[in-house]
Structures are given as C-alpha cells and as structure tokens.
Amino acid sequence: MSYRKEIDEAIRLRDEDKVAEFGARVKATIDKIPAIDVTSLCAVGAILIENKDYADALKCFSVAVENHPLSASASIGLFHALWNTERREEAFAELRRFLSISESEEHFRLIEEMRDAIDSV
C-alpha cells in the first residue's frame, strides 16, 4: 500500500474513533513519507498534534523544515510540536529562524500570543 493510501486509511480510522488502530497505522506511515513530500509530512504532523502525539509530530515537522525551510506550514507545525513538548526556547528559535528568511503574519501572531501568555503569568 502506498504511503498516501496509508495516510487516508489512518484518517478513516481516526474518523471512526478507532484510536489504537489509528495510532498504529499513522506511526507505521511516518517513516515511509518521502522528505520531499512536505504536504504529507505536514498533514500527518497536524493529525499527530491533534491527537497529542507530539513526539511523532516533531519527527514529521523536523523533516519537513529540514527539507523545506521556506514552508510556513512546516515551521508553524514544528513550533507547536516543540512548544507542546516543553521545548519553548527551541520553539521561539524556529519562529525567529523562519522570520529571518521569510515574512508570515501567522508567525508574528504566534510571537505576540506567546509573549502575552508569558507576561500574564
């Protein structure tokens, strides 16, 4: 089965609330996604974040950013994966890295949001 069909199957399992089967399918698929397919890496990473599997999401987004440094989606996903694994300094470093090579309102918004959250603590 192609990795794209496996992703579709994983999404179907998730939609049917078959959590264990979904988890196994998506984990088996991660290493099959070619580094060049930033769309699939980001889609699977987003699904993993949605399911609070931040470590595996981090794998997807790290590969995506490494191979597609100008991908705003990959950068935002990596930020969220890092943030949710308590790697806050690395998360902010990713936002700064991306903004040093490209412009993104979403990245600026995240910086403002996180700064406001830190200031309110």
PDB file of N, CA and C in Angstrom:
ATOM      1  N   MET A   1       0.858  -1.176   0.000  1.00  0.00           N
ATOM      2  CA  MET A   1       0.000   0.000   0.000  1.00  0.00           C
ATOM      3  C   MET A   1       0.903   1.238   0.000  1.00  0.00           C
ATOM      4  N   SER A   2       0.570   2.223  -0.829  1.00  0.00           N
ATOM      5  CA  SER A   2       1.375   3.439  -0.886  1.00  0.00           C
ATOM      6  C   SER A   2       1.197   4.241   0.408  1.00  0.00           C
ATOM      7  N   TYR A   3       2.189   5.064   0.712  1.00  0.00           N
ATOM      8  CA  TYR A   3       2.113   5.850   1.942  1.00  0.00           C
ATOM      9  C   TYR A   3       0.910   6.791   1.933  1.00  0.00           C
ATOM     10  N   ARG A   4       0.522   7.292   0.777  1.00  0.00           N
ATOM     11  CA  ARG A   4      -0.646   8.185   0.719  1.00  0.00           C
ATOM     12  C   ARG A   4      -1.933   7.419   1.030  1.00  0.00           C
ATOM     13  N   LYS A   5      -2.030   6.191   0.550  1.00  0.00           N
ATOM     14  CA  LYS A   5      -3.199   5.369   0.883  1.00  0.00           C
ATOM     15  C   LYS A   5      -3.199   5.034   2.370  1.00  0.00           C
ATOM     16  N   GLU A   6      -2.002   4.815   2.932  1.00  0.00           N
ATOM     17  CA  GLU A   6      -1.913   4.546   4.373  1.00  0.00           C
ATOM     18  C   GLU A   6      -2.353   5.759   5.186  1.00  0.00           C
ATOM     19  N   ILE A   7      -2.002   6.960   4.715  1.00  0.00           N
ATOM     20  CA  ILE A   7      -2.449   8.180   5.395  1.00  0.00           C
ATOM     21  C   ILE A   7      -3.974   8.270   5.335  1.00  0.00           C
ATOM     22  N   ASP A   8      -4.542   8.025   4.161  1.00  0.00           N
ATOM     23  CA  ASP A   8      -6.011   8.044   4.018  1.00  0.00           C
ATOM     24  C   ASP A   8      -6.658   7.026   4.948  1.00  0.00           C
ATOM     25  N   GLU A   9      -6.054   5.839   5.031  1.00  0.00           N
ATOM     26  CA  GLU A   9      -6.578   4.788   5.913  1.00  0.00           C
ATOM     27  C   GLU A   9      -6.495   5.228   7.373  1.00  0.00           C
ATOM     28  N   ALA A  10      -5.390   5.858   7.751  1.00  0.00           N
ATOM     29  CA  ALA A  10      -5.237   6.344   9.130  1.00  0.00           C
ATOM     30  C   ALA A  10      -6.308   7.378   9.454  1.00  0.00           C
ATOM     31  N   ILE A  11      -6.558   8.276   8.512  1.00  0.00           N
ATOM     32  CA  ILE A  11      -7.588   9.304   8.727  1.00  0.00           C
ATOM     33  C   ILE A  11      -8.959   8.661   8.873  1.00  0.00           C
ATOM     34  N   ARG A  12      -9.243   7.646   8.051  1.00  0.00           N
ATOM     35  CA  ARG A  12     -10.520   6.937   8.161  1.00  0.00           C
ATOM     36  C   ARG A  12     -10.655   6.301   9.545  1.00  0.00           C
ATOM     37  N   LEU A  13      -9.599   5.663  10.019  1.00  0.00           N
ATOM     38  CA  LEU A  13      -9.624   5.039  11.347  1.00  0.00           C
ATOM     39  C   LEU A  13      -9.845   6.072  12.444  1.00  0.00           C
ATOM     40  N   ARG A  14      -9.172   7.213  12.309  1.00  0.00           N
ATOM     41  CA  ARG A  14      -9.353   8.280  13.298  1.00  0.00           C
ATOM     42  C   ARG A  14     -10.799   8.762  13.293  1.00  0.00           C
ATOM     43  N   ASP A  15     -11.361   8.965  12.098  1.00  0.00           N
ATOM     44  CA  ASP A  15     -12.733   9.443  11.976  1.00  0.00           C
ATOM     45  C   ASP A  15     -13.746   8.456  12.539  1.00  0.00           C
ATOM     46  N   GLU A  16     -13.374   7.179  12.548  1.00  0.00           N
ATOM     47  CA  GLU A  16     -14.243   6.133  13.108  1.00  0.00           C
ATOM     48  C   GLU A  16     -13.948   5.887  14.585  1.00  0.00           C
ATOM     49  N   ASP A  17     -13.131   6.741  15.205  1.00  0.00           N
ATOM     50  CA  ASP A  17     -12.755   6.629  16.618  1.00  0.00           C
ATOM     51  C   ASP A  17     -12.063   5.309  16.958  1.00  0.00           C
ATOM     52  N   LYS A  18     -11.361   4.749  16.004  1.00  0.00           N
ATOM     53  CA  LYS A  18     -10.570   3.538  16.236  1.00  0.00           C
ATOM     54  C   LYS A  18      -9.156   3.990  16.600  1.00  0.00           C
ATOM     55  N   VAL A  19      -9.019   4.469  17.825  1.00  0.00           N
ATOM     56  CA  VAL A  19      -7.818   5.157  18.270  1.00  0.00           C
ATOM     57  C   VAL A  19      -6.573   4.274  18.194  1.00  0.00           C
ATOM     58  N   ALA A  20      -6.644   3.069  18.701  1.00  0.00           N
ATOM     59  CA  ALA A  20      -5.467   2.190  18.706  1.00  0.00           C
ATOM     60  C   ALA A  20      -5.020   1.866  17.283  1.00  0.00           C
ATOM     61  N   GLU A  21      -5.986   1.526  16.433  1.00  0.00           N
ATOM     62  CA  GLU A  21      -5.655   1.204  15.046  1.00  0.00           C
ATOM     63  C   GLU A  21      -5.099   2.426  14.323  1.00  0.00           C
ATOM     64  N   PHE A  22      -5.697   3.586  14.603  1.00  0.00           N
ATOM     65  CA  PHE A  22      -5.211   4.824  14.009  1.00  0.00           C
ATOM     66  C   PHE A  22      -3.758   5.065  14.391  1.00  0.00           C
ATOM     67  N   GLY A  23      -3.469   4.971  15.687  1.00  0.00           N
ATOM     68  CA  GLY A  23      -2.117   5.222  16.172  1.00  0.00           C
ATOM     69  C   GLY A  23      -1.099   4.310  15.522  1.00  0.00           C
ATOM     70  N   ALA A  24      -1.425   3.031  15.434  1.00  0.00           N
ATOM     71  CA  ALA A  24      -0.512   2.070  14.817  1.00  0.00           C
ATOM     72  C   ALA A  24      -0.304   2.376  13.340  1.00  0.00           C
ATOM     73  N   ARG A  25      -1.362   2.705  12.642  1.00  0.00           N
ATOM     74  CA  ARG A  25      -1.276   2.974  11.197  1.00  0.00           C
ATOM     75  C   ARG A  25      -0.452   4.230  10.926  1.00  0.00           C
ATOM     76  N   VAL A  26      -0.726   5.291  11.675  1.00  0.00           N
ATOM     77  CA  VAL A  26      -0.023   6.539  11.403  1.00  0.00           C
ATOM     78  C   VAL A  26       1.453   6.426  11.772  1.00  0.00           C
ATOM     79  N   LYS A  27       1.779   5.725  12.857  1.00  0.00           N
ATOM     80  CA  LYS A  27       3.181   5.536  13.237  1.00  0.00           C
ATOM     81  C   LYS A  27       3.922   4.710  12.195  1.00  0.00           C
ATOM     82  N   ALA A  28       3.251   3.730  11.627  1.00  0.00           N
ATOM     83  CA  ALA A  28       3.871   2.895  10.597  1.00  0.00           C
ATOM     84  C   ALA A  28       4.098   3.672   9.308  1.00  0.00           C
ATOM     85  N   THR A  29       3.358   4.732   9.122  1.00  0.00           N
ATOM     86  CA  THR A  29       3.421   5.511   7.889  1.00  0.00           C
ATOM     87  C   THR A  29       4.490   6.599   7.925  1.00  0.00           C
ATOM     88  N   ILE A  30       4.798   7.125   9.098  1.00  0.00           N
ATOM     89  CA  ILE A  30       5.695   8.281   9.220  1.00  0.00           C
ATOM     90  C   ILE A  30       6.989   8.085   8.444  1.00  0.00           C
ATOM     91  N   ASP A  31       7.667   6.968   8.658  1.00  0.00           N
ATOM     92  CA  ASP A  31       8.969   6.752   8.026  1.00  0.00           C
ATOM     93  C   ASP A  31       8.877   6.468   6.530  1.00  0.00           C
ATOM     94  N   LYS A  32       7.678   6.245   6.031  1.00  0.00           N
ATOM     95  CA  LYS A  32       7.502   5.964   4.599  1.00  0.00           C
ATOM     96  C   LYS A  32       7.302   7.236   3.773  1.00  0.00           C
ATOM     97  N   ILE A  33       7.028   8.343   4.439  1.00  0.00           N
ATOM     98  CA  ILE A  33       6.762   9.589   3.715  1.00  0.00           C
ATOM     99  C   ILE A  33       8.091  10.165   3.224  1.00  0.00           C
ATOM    100  N   PRO A  34       8.224  10.362   1.934  1.00  0.00           N
ATOM    101  CA  PRO A  34       9.474  10.935   1.414  1.00  0.00           C
ATOM    102  C   PRO A  34       9.682  12.362   1.924  1.00  0.00           C
ATOM    103  N   ALA A  35      10.921  12.708   2.211  1.00  0.00           N
ATOM    104  CA  ALA A  35      11.249  14.037   2.731  1.00  0.00           C
ATOM    105  C   ALA A  35      10.795  15.146   1.785  1.00  0.00           C
ATOM    106  N   ILE A  36      10.676  14.830   0.520  1.00  0.00           N
ATOM    107  CA  ILE A  36      10.277  15.837  -0.463  1.00  0.00           C
ATOM    108  C   ILE A  36       8.778  16.157  -0.395  1.00  0.00           C
ATOM    109  N   ASP A  37       7.985  15.303   0.227  1.00  0.00           N
ATOM    110  CA  ASP A  37       6.523  15.488   0.277  1.00  0.00           C
ATOM    111  C   ASP A  37       6.125  16.286   1.519  1.00  0.00           C
ATOM    112  N   VAL A  38       6.364  17.584   1.471  1.00  0.00           N
ATOM    113  CA  VAL A  38       6.087  18.451   2.615  1.00  0.00           C
ATOM    114  C   VAL A  38       4.596  18.463   2.963  1.00  0.00           C
ATOM    115  N   THR A  39       3.747  18.343   1.965  1.00  0.00           N
ATOM    116  CA  THR A  39       2.298  18.359   2.219  1.00  0.00           C
ATOM    117  C   THR A  39       1.884  17.182   3.093  1.00  0.00           C
ATOM    118  N   SER A  40       2.353  15.985   2.760  1.00  0.00           N
ATOM    119  CA  SER A  40       2.002  14.804   3.557  1.00  0.00           C
ATOM    120  C   SER A  40       2.645  14.853   4.936  1.00  0.00           C
ATOM    121  N   LEU A  41       3.900  15.301   5.007  1.00  0.00           N
ATOM    122  CA  LEU A  41       4.559  15.419   6.309  1.00  0.00           C
ATOM    123  C   LEU A  41       3.779  16.362   7.219  1.00  0.00           C
ATOM    124  N   CYS A  42       3.349  17.497   6.680  1.00  0.00           N
ATOM    125  CA  CYS A  42       2.596  18.460   7.482  1.00  0.00           C
ATOM    126  C   CYS A  42       1.208  17.941   7.840  1.00  0.00           C
ATOM    127  N   ALA A  43       0.566  17.244   6.908  1.00  0.00           N
ATOM    128  CA  ALA A  43      -0.770  16.695   7.190  1.00  0.00           C
ATOM    129  C   ALA A  43      -0.708  15.659   8.308  1.00  0.00           C
ATOM    130  N   VAL A  44       0.256  14.744   8.219  1.00  0.00           N
ATOM    131  CA  VAL A  44       0.392  13.724   9.265  1.00  0.00           C
ATOM    132  C   VAL A  44       0.817  14.376  10.581  1.00  0.00           C
ATOM    133  N   GLY A  45       1.736  15.330  10.506  1.00  0.00           N
ATOM    134  CA  GLY A  45       2.152  16.035  11.722  1.00  0.00           C
ATOM    135  C   GLY A  45       0.982  16.726  12.405  1.00  0.00           C
ATOM    136  N   ALA A  46       0.115  17.357  11.617  1.00  0.00           N
ATOM    137  CA  ALA A  46      -1.062  18.036  12.178  1.00  0.00           C
ATOM    138  C   ALA A  46      -2.019  17.043  12.836  1.00  0.00           C
ATOM    139  N   ILE A  47      -2.198  15.898  12.205  1.00  0.00           N
ATOM    140  CA  ILE A  47      -3.054  14.855  12.790  1.00  0.00           C
ATOM    141  C   ILE A  47      -2.465  14.391  14.118  1.00  0.00           C
ATOM    142  N   LEU A  48      -1.155  14.214  14.136  1.00  0.00           N
ATOM    143  CA  LEU A  48      -0.493  13.770  15.366  1.00  0.00           C
ATOM    144  C   LEU A  48      -0.617  14.807  16.479  1.00  0.00           C
ATOM    145  N   ILE A  49      -0.464  16.089  16.143  1.00  0.00           N
ATOM    146  CA  ILE A  49      -0.646  17.135  17.160  1.00  0.00           C
ATOM    147  C   ILE A  49      -2.076  17.123  17.671  1.00  0.00           C
ATOM    148  N   GLU A  50      -3.022  16.989  16.758  1.00  0.00           N
ATOM    149  CA  GLU A  50      -4.439  16.935  17.136  1.00  0.00           C
ATOM    150  C   GLU A  50      -4.694  15.794  18.127  1.00  0.00           C
ATOM    151  N   ASN A  51      -3.931  14.701  17.969  1.00  0.00           N
ATOM    152  CA  ASN A  51      -4.082  13.541  18.846  1.00  0.00           C
ATOM    153  C   ASN A  51      -3.074  13.531  19.990  1.00  0.00           C
ATOM    154  N   LYS A  52      -2.413  14.676  20.202  1.00  0.00           N
ATOM    155  CA  LYS A  52      -1.475  14.878  21.300  1.00  0.00           C
ATOM    156  C   LYS A  52      -0.270  13.933  21.270  1.00  0.00           C
ATOM    157  N   ASP A  53       0.096  13.487  20.076  1.00  0.00           N
ATOM    158  CA  ASP A  53       1.307  12.676  19.892  1.00  0.00           C
ATOM    159  C   ASP A  53       2.401  13.625  19.405  1.00  0.00           C
ATOM    160  N   TYR A  54       2.897  14.426  20.339  1.00  0.00           N
ATOM    161  CA  TYR A  54       3.821  15.493  19.987  1.00  0.00           C
ATOM    162  C   TYR A  54       5.192  14.987  19.561  1.00  0.00           C
ATOM    163  N   ALA A  55       5.649  13.901  20.127  1.00  0.00           N
ATOM    164  CA  ALA A  55       6.968  13.379  19.762  1.00  0.00           C
ATOM    165  C   ALA A  55       7.005  12.952  18.295  1.00  0.00           C
ATOM    166  N   ASP A  56       5.982  12.230  17.848  1.00  0.00           N
ATOM    167  CA  ASP A  56       5.951  11.814  16.445  1.00  0.00           C
ATOM    168  C   ASP A  56       5.661  12.995  15.520  1.00  0.00           C
ATOM    169  N   ALA A  57       4.859  13.943  15.991  1.00  0.00           N
ATOM    170  CA  ALA A  57       4.617  15.156  15.199  1.00  0.00           C
ATOM    171  C   ALA A  57       5.933  15.901  15.007  1.00  0.00           C
ATOM    172  N   LEU A  58       6.736  15.929  16.042  1.00  0.00           N
ATOM    173  CA  LEU A  58       8.035  16.590  15.968  1.00  0.00           C
ATOM    174  C   LEU A  58       8.908  15.961  14.888  1.00  0.00           C
ATOM    175  N   LYS A  59       8.844  14.632  14.760  1.00  0.00           N
ATOM    176  CA  LYS A  59       9.601  13.950  13.702  1.00  0.00           C
ATOM    177  C   LYS A  59       9.150  14.442  12.323  1.00  0.00           C
ATOM    178  N   CYS A  60       7.852  14.471  12.099  1.00  0.00           N
ATOM    179  CA  CYS A  60       7.323  14.895  10.797  1.00  0.00           C
ATOM    180  C   CYS A  60       7.725  16.324  10.470  1.00  0.00           C
ATOM    181  N   PHE A  61       7.493  17.226  11.414  1.00  0.00           N
ATOM    182  CA  PHE A  61       7.767  18.628  11.132  1.00  0.00           C
ATOM    183  C   PHE A  61       9.257  18.928  11.055  1.00  0.00           C
ATOM    184  N   SER A  62      10.067  18.198  11.799  1.00  0.00           N
ATOM    185  CA  SER A  62      11.522  18.399  11.707  1.00  0.00           C
ATOM    186  C   SER A  62      12.029  18.035  10.319  1.00  0.00           C
ATOM    187  N   VAL A  63      11.567  16.908   9.793  1.00  0.00           N
ATOM    188  CA  VAL A  63      11.961  16.507   8.438  1.00  0.00           C
ATOM    189  C   VAL A  63      11.446  17.523   7.424  1.00  0.00           C
ATOM    190  N   ALA A  64      10.211  17.966   7.608  1.00  0.00           N
ATOM    191  CA  ALA A  64       9.625  18.936   6.674  1.00  0.00           C
ATOM    192  C   ALA A  64      10.425  20.237   6.656  1.00  0.00           C
ATOM    193  N   VAL A  65      10.772  20.761   7.826  1.00  0.00           N
ATOM    194  CA  VAL A  65      11.516  22.018   7.897  1.00  0.00           C
ATOM    195  C   VAL A  65      12.931  21.848   7.358  1.00  0.00           C
ATOM    196  N   GLU A  66      13.541  20.725   7.679  1.00  0.00           N
ATOM    197  CA  GLU A  66      14.903  20.473   7.200  1.00  0.00           C
ATOM    198  C   GLU A  66      14.957  20.474   5.670  1.00  0.00           C
ATOM    199  N   ASN A  67      13.958  19.901   5.051  1.00  0.00           N
ATOM    200  CA  ASN A  67      13.944  19.769   3.599  1.00  0.00           C
ATOM    201  C   ASN A  67      13.199  20.884   2.872  1.00  0.00           C
ATOM    202  N   HIS A  68      12.389  21.630   3.614  1.00  0.00           N
ATOM    203  CA  HIS A  68      11.595  22.720   3.031  1.00  0.00           C
ATOM    204  C   HIS A  68      11.619  23.913   3.984  1.00  0.00           C
ATOM    205  N   PRO A  69      12.785  24.541   4.155  1.00  0.00           N
ATOM    206  CA  PRO A  69      12.923  25.612   5.154  1.00  0.00           C
ATOM    207  C   PRO A  69      12.017  26.828   4.917  1.00  0.00           C
ATOM    208  N   LEU A  70      11.488  26.984   3.715  1.00  0.00           N
ATOM    209  CA  LEU A  70      10.598  28.109   3.437  1.00  0.00           C
ATOM    210  C   LEU A  70       9.114  27.765   3.598  1.00  0.00           C
ATOM    211  N   SER A  71       8.824  26.558   4.047  1.00  0.00           N
ATOM    212  CA  SER A  71       7.433  26.153   4.238  1.00  0.00           C
ATOM    213  C   SER A  71       6.898  26.731   5.546  1.00  0.00           C
ATOM    214  N   ALA A  72       5.968  27.664   5.426  1.00  0.00           N
ATOM    215  CA  ALA A  72       5.360  28.264   6.624  1.00  0.00           C
ATOM    216  C   ALA A  72       4.593  27.214   7.424  1.00  0.00           C
ATOM    217  N   SER A  73       3.905  26.301   6.742  1.00  0.00           N
ATOM    218  CA  SER A  73       3.136  25.256   7.438  1.00  0.00           C
ATOM    219  C   SER A  73       4.060  24.350   8.247  1.00  0.00           C
ATOM    220  N   ALA A  74       5.182  23.975   7.656  1.00  0.00           N
ATOM    221  CA  ALA A  74       6.136  23.117   8.362  1.00  0.00           C
ATOM    222  C   ALA A  74       6.704  23.843   9.579  1.00  0.00           C
ATOM    223  N   SER A  75       7.020  25.112   9.415  1.00  0.00           N
ATOM    224  CA  SER A  75       7.578  25.902  10.509  1.00  0.00           C
ATOM    225  C   SER A  75       6.581  26.058  11.660  1.00  0.00           C
ATOM    226  N   ILE A  76       5.350  26.391  11.330  1.00  0.00           N
ATOM    227  CA  ILE A  76       4.308  26.538  12.368  1.00  0.00           C
ATOM    228  C   ILE A  76       4.089  25.201  13.074  1.00  0.00           C
ATOM    229  N   GLY A  77       4.042  24.118  12.307  1.00  0.00           N
ATOM    230  CA  GLY A  77       3.874  22.802  12.913  1.00  0.00           C
ATOM    231  C   GLY A  77       5.026  22.455  13.839  1.00  0.00           C
ATOM    232  N   LEU A  78       6.246  22.747  13.402  1.00  0.00           N
ATOM    233  CA  LEU A  78       7.409  22.481  14.256  1.00  0.00           C
ATOM    234  C   LEU A  78       7.334  23.315  15.526  1.00  0.00           C
ATOM    235  N   PHE A  79       6.933  24.568  15.396  1.00  0.00           N
ATOM    236  CA  PHE A  79       6.759  25.415  16.575  1.00  0.00           C
ATOM    237  C   PHE A  79       5.808  24.750  17.575  1.00  0.00           C
ATOM    238  N   HIS A  80       4.640  24.326  17.108  1.00  0.00           N
ATOM    239  CA  HIS A  80       3.647  23.730  18.012  1.00  0.00           C
ATOM    240  C   HIS A  80       4.146  22.421  18.625  1.00  0.00           C
ATOM    241  N   ALA A  81       4.826  21.601  17.841  1.00  0.00           N
ATOM    242  CA  ALA A  81       5.360  20.346  18.373  1.00  0.00           C
ATOM    243  C   ALA A  81       6.412  20.625  19.446  1.00  0.00           C
ATOM    244  N   LEU A  82       7.282  21.576  19.194  1.00  0.00           N
ATOM    245  CA  LEU A  82       8.295  21.937  20.191  1.00  0.00           C
ATOM    246  C   LEU A  82       7.652  22.536  21.438  1.00  0.00           C
ATOM    247  N   TRP A  83       6.712  23.438  21.241  1.00  0.00           N
ATOM    248  CA  TRP A  83       6.045  24.096  22.363  1.00  0.00           C
ATOM    249  C   TRP A  83       5.350  23.069  23.260  1.00  0.00           C
ATOM    250  N   ASN A  84       4.673  22.119  22.635  1.00  0.00           N
ATOM    251  CA  ASN A  84       3.914  21.127  23.404  1.00  0.00           C
ATOM    252  C   ASN A  84       4.782  20.046  24.030  1.00  0.00           C
ATOM    253  N   THR A  85       6.061  20.015  23.692  1.00  0.00           N
ATOM    254  CA  THR A  85       6.991  19.092  24.356  1.00  0.00           C
ATOM    255  C   THR A  85       7.887  19.873  25.314  1.00  0.00           C
ATOM    256  N   GLU A  86       7.408  21.061  25.711  1.00  0.00           N
ATOM    257  CA  GLU A  86       8.096  21.907  26.694  1.00  0.00           C
ATOM    258  C   GLU A  86       9.450  22.417  26.212  1.00  0.00           C
ATOM    259  N   ARG A  87       9.645  22.454  24.916  1.00  0.00           N
ATOM    260  CA  ARG A  87      10.899  22.961  24.348  1.00  0.00           C
ATOM    261  C   ARG A  87      10.665  24.376  23.827  1.00  0.00           C
ATOM    262  N   ARG A  88      10.348  25.254  24.766  1.00  0.00           N
ATOM    263  CA  ARG A  88       9.904  26.607  24.444  1.00  0.00           C
ATOM    264  C   ARG A  88      10.979  27.446  23.748  1.00  0.00           C
ATOM    265  N   GLU A  89      12.207  27.379  24.219  1.00  0.00           N
ATOM    266  CA  GLU A  89      13.263  28.181  23.587  1.00  0.00           C
ATOM    267  C   GLU A  89      13.482  27.752  22.141  1.00  0.00           C
ATOM    268  N   GLU A  90      13.442  26.447  21.893  1.00  0.00           N
ATOM    269  CA  GLU A  90      13.589  25.952  20.525  1.00  0.00           C
ATOM    270  C   GLU A  90      12.392  26.363  19.668  1.00  0.00           C
ATOM    271  N   ALA A  91      11.213  26.398  20.276  1.00  0.00           N
ATOM    272  CA  ALA A  91      10.011  26.820  19.548  1.00  0.00           C
ATOM    273  C   ALA A  91      10.161  28.272  19.085  1.00  0.00           C
ATOM    274  N   PHE A  92      10.583  29.156  19.998  1.00  0.00           N
ATOM    275  CA  PHE A  92      10.785  30.549  19.612  1.00  0.00           C
ATOM    276  C   PHE A  92      11.918  30.683  18.605  1.00  0.00           C
ATOM    277  N   ALA A  93      12.952  29.870  18.748  1.00  0.00           N
ATOM    278  CA  ALA A  93      14.065  29.906  17.790  1.00  0.00           C
ATOM    279  C   ALA A  93      13.569  29.557  16.389  1.00  0.00           C
ATOM    280  N   GLU A  94      12.629  28.617  16.296  1.00  0.00           N
ATOM    281  CA  GLU A  94      12.071  28.260  14.986  1.00  0.00           C
ATOM    282  C   GLU A  94      11.302  29.428  14.389  1.00  0.00           C
ATOM    283  N   LEU A  95      10.517  30.123  15.213  1.00  0.00           N
ATOM    284  CA  LEU A  95       9.802  31.300  14.699  1.00  0.00           C
ATOM    285  C   LEU A  95      10.786  32.349  14.195  1.00  0.00           C
ATOM    286  N   ARG A  96      11.834  32.593  14.976  1.00  0.00           N
ATOM    287  CA  ARG A  96      12.845  33.585  14.566  1.00  0.00           C
ATOM    288  C   ARG A  96      13.564  33.134  13.294  1.00  0.00           C
ATOM    289  N   ARG A  97      13.888  31.839  13.196  1.00  0.00           N
ATOM    290  CA  ARG A  97      14.565  31.320  12.006  1.00  0.00           C
ATOM    291  C   ARG A  97      13.726  31.594  10.766  1.00  0.00           C
ATOM    292  N   PHE A  98      12.442  31.248  10.863  1.00  0.00           N
ATOM    293  CA  PHE A  98      11.576  31.426   9.701  1.00  0.00           C
ATOM    294  C   PHE A  98      11.445  32.906   9.332  1.00  0.00           C
ATOM    295  N   LEU A  99      11.244  33.754  10.323  1.00  0.00           N
ATOM    296  CA  LEU A  99      11.066  35.178  10.046  1.00  0.00           C
ATOM    297  C   LEU A  99      12.343  35.833   9.524  1.00  0.00           C
ATOM    298  N   SER A 100      13.486  35.194   9.739  1.00  0.00           N
ATOM    299  CA  SER A 100      14.736  35.744   9.217  1.00  0.00           C
ATOM    300  C   SER A 100      14.877  35.503   7.712  1.00  0.00           C
ATOM    301  N   ILE A 101      14.068  34.567   7.168  1.00  0.00           N
ATOM    302  CA  ILE A 101      14.167  34.254   5.744  1.00  0.00           C
ATOM    303  C   ILE A 101      12.871  34.492   4.974  1.00  0.00           C
ATOM    304  N   SER A 102      11.791  34.758   5.693  1.00  0.00           N
ATOM    305  CA  SER A 102      10.502  34.944   5.034  1.00  0.00           C
ATOM    306  C   SER A 102       9.582  35.765   5.935  1.00  0.00           C
ATOM    307  N   GLU A 103       8.502  36.273   5.373  1.00  0.00           N
ATOM    308  CA  GLU A 103       7.515  37.012   6.155  1.00  0.00           C
ATOM    309  C   GLU A 103       6.276  36.155   6.354  1.00  0.00           C
ATOM    310  N   SER A 104       5.686  36.275   7.530  1.00  0.00           N
ATOM    311  CA  SER A 104       4.497  35.490   7.822  1.00  0.00           C
ATOM    312  C   SER A 104       3.711  36.156   8.943  1.00  0.00           C
ATOM    313  N   GLU A 105       2.486  36.550   8.637  1.00  0.00           N
ATOM    314  CA  GLU A 105       1.625  37.124   9.673  1.00  0.00           C
ATOM    315  C   GLU A 105       1.345  36.110  10.777  1.00  0.00           C
ATOM    316  N   GLU A 106       1.199  34.844  10.394  1.00  0.00           N
ATOM    317  CA  GLU A 106       0.931  33.787  11.376  1.00  0.00           C
ATOM    318  C   GLU A 106       2.080  33.665  12.378  1.00  0.00           C
ATOM    319  N   HIS A 107       3.304  33.748  11.901  1.00  0.00           N
ATOM    320  CA  HIS A 107       4.464  33.676  12.795  1.00  0.00           C
ATOM    321  C   HIS A 107       4.490  34.873  13.747  1.00  0.00           C
ATOM    322  N   PHE A 108       4.244  36.064  13.226  1.00  0.00           N
ATOM    323  CA  PHE A 108       4.202  37.250  14.084  1.00  0.00           C
ATOM    324  C   PHE A 108       3.084  37.133  15.116  1.00  0.00           C
ATOM    325  N   ARG A 109       1.928  36.630  14.686  1.00  0.00           N
ATOM    326  CA  ARG A 109       0.795  36.460  15.605  1.00  0.00           C
ATOM    327  C   ARG A 109       1.152  35.501  16.732  1.00  0.00           C
ATOM    328  N   LEU A 110       1.824  34.411  16.408  1.00  0.00           N
ATOM    329  CA  LEU A 110       2.229  33.447  17.432  1.00  0.00           C
ATOM    330  C   LEU A 110       3.190  34.068  18.440  1.00  0.00           C
ATOM    331  N   ILE A 111       4.130  34.846  17.950  1.00  0.00           N
ATOM    332  CA  ILE A 111       5.072  35.507  18.859  1.00  0.00           C
ATOM    333  C   ILE A 111       4.322  36.429  19.820  1.00  0.00           C
ATOM    334  N   GLU A 112       3.391  37.196  19.299  1.00  0.00           N
ATOM    335  CA  GLU A 112       2.595  38.100  20.140  1.00  0.00           C
ATOM    336  C   GLU A 112       1.773  37.304  21.160  1.00  0.00           C
ATOM    337  N   GLU A 113       1.123  36.255  20.698  1.00  0.00           N
ATOM    338  CA  GLU A 113       0.308  35.418  21.574  1.00  0.00           C
ATOM    339  C   GLU A 113       1.127  34.827  22.711  1.00  0.00           C
ATOM    340  N   MET A 114       2.274  34.278  22.384  1.00  0.00           N
ATOM    341  CA  MET A 114       3.124  33.636  23.390  1.00  0.00           C
ATOM    342  C   MET A 114       3.711  34.672  24.343  1.00  0.00           C
ATOM    343  N   ARG A 115       4.082  35.832  23.820  1.00  0.00           N
ATOM    344  CA  ARG A 115       4.608  36.883  24.682  1.00  0.00           C
ATOM    345  C   ARG A 115       3.527  37.339  25.665  1.00  0.00           C
ATOM    346  N   ASP A 116       2.314  37.498  25.177  1.00  0.00           N
ATOM    347  CA  ASP A 116       1.206  37.900  26.046  1.00  0.00           C
ATOM    348  C   ASP A 116       0.926  36.843  27.107  1.00  0.00           C
ATOM    349  N   ALA A 117       1.018  35.570  26.717  1.00  0.00           N
ATOM    350  CA  ALA A 117       0.786  34.481  27.673  1.00  0.00           C
ATOM    351  C   ALA A 117       1.858  34.476  28.762  1.00  0.00           C
ATOM    352  N   ILE A 118       3.095  34.718  28.365  1.00  0.00           N
ATOM    353  CA  ILE A 118       4.192  34.733  29.336  1.00  0.00           C
ATOM    354  C   ILE A 118       4.052  35.940  30.262  1.00  0.00           C
ATOM    355  N   ASP A 119       3.668  37.108  29.704  1.00  0.00           N
ATOM    356  CA  ASP A 119       3.514  38.321  30.504  1.00  0.00           C
ATOM    357  C   ASP A 119       2.390  38.193  31.531  1.00  0.00           C
ATOM    358  N   SER A 120       1.382  37.391  31.239  1.00  0.00           N
ATOM    359  CA  SER A 120       0.226  37.271  32.136  1.00  0.00           C
ATOM    360  C   SER A 120       0.470  36.262  33.266  1.00  0.00           C
ATOM    361  N   VAL A 121       1.587  35.557  33.219  1.00  0.00           N
ATOM    362  CA  VAL A 121       1.879  34.554  34.266  1.00  0.00           C
ATOM    363  C   VAL A 121       2.503  35.185  35.458  1.00  0.00           C
TER     364      VAL A 121
END
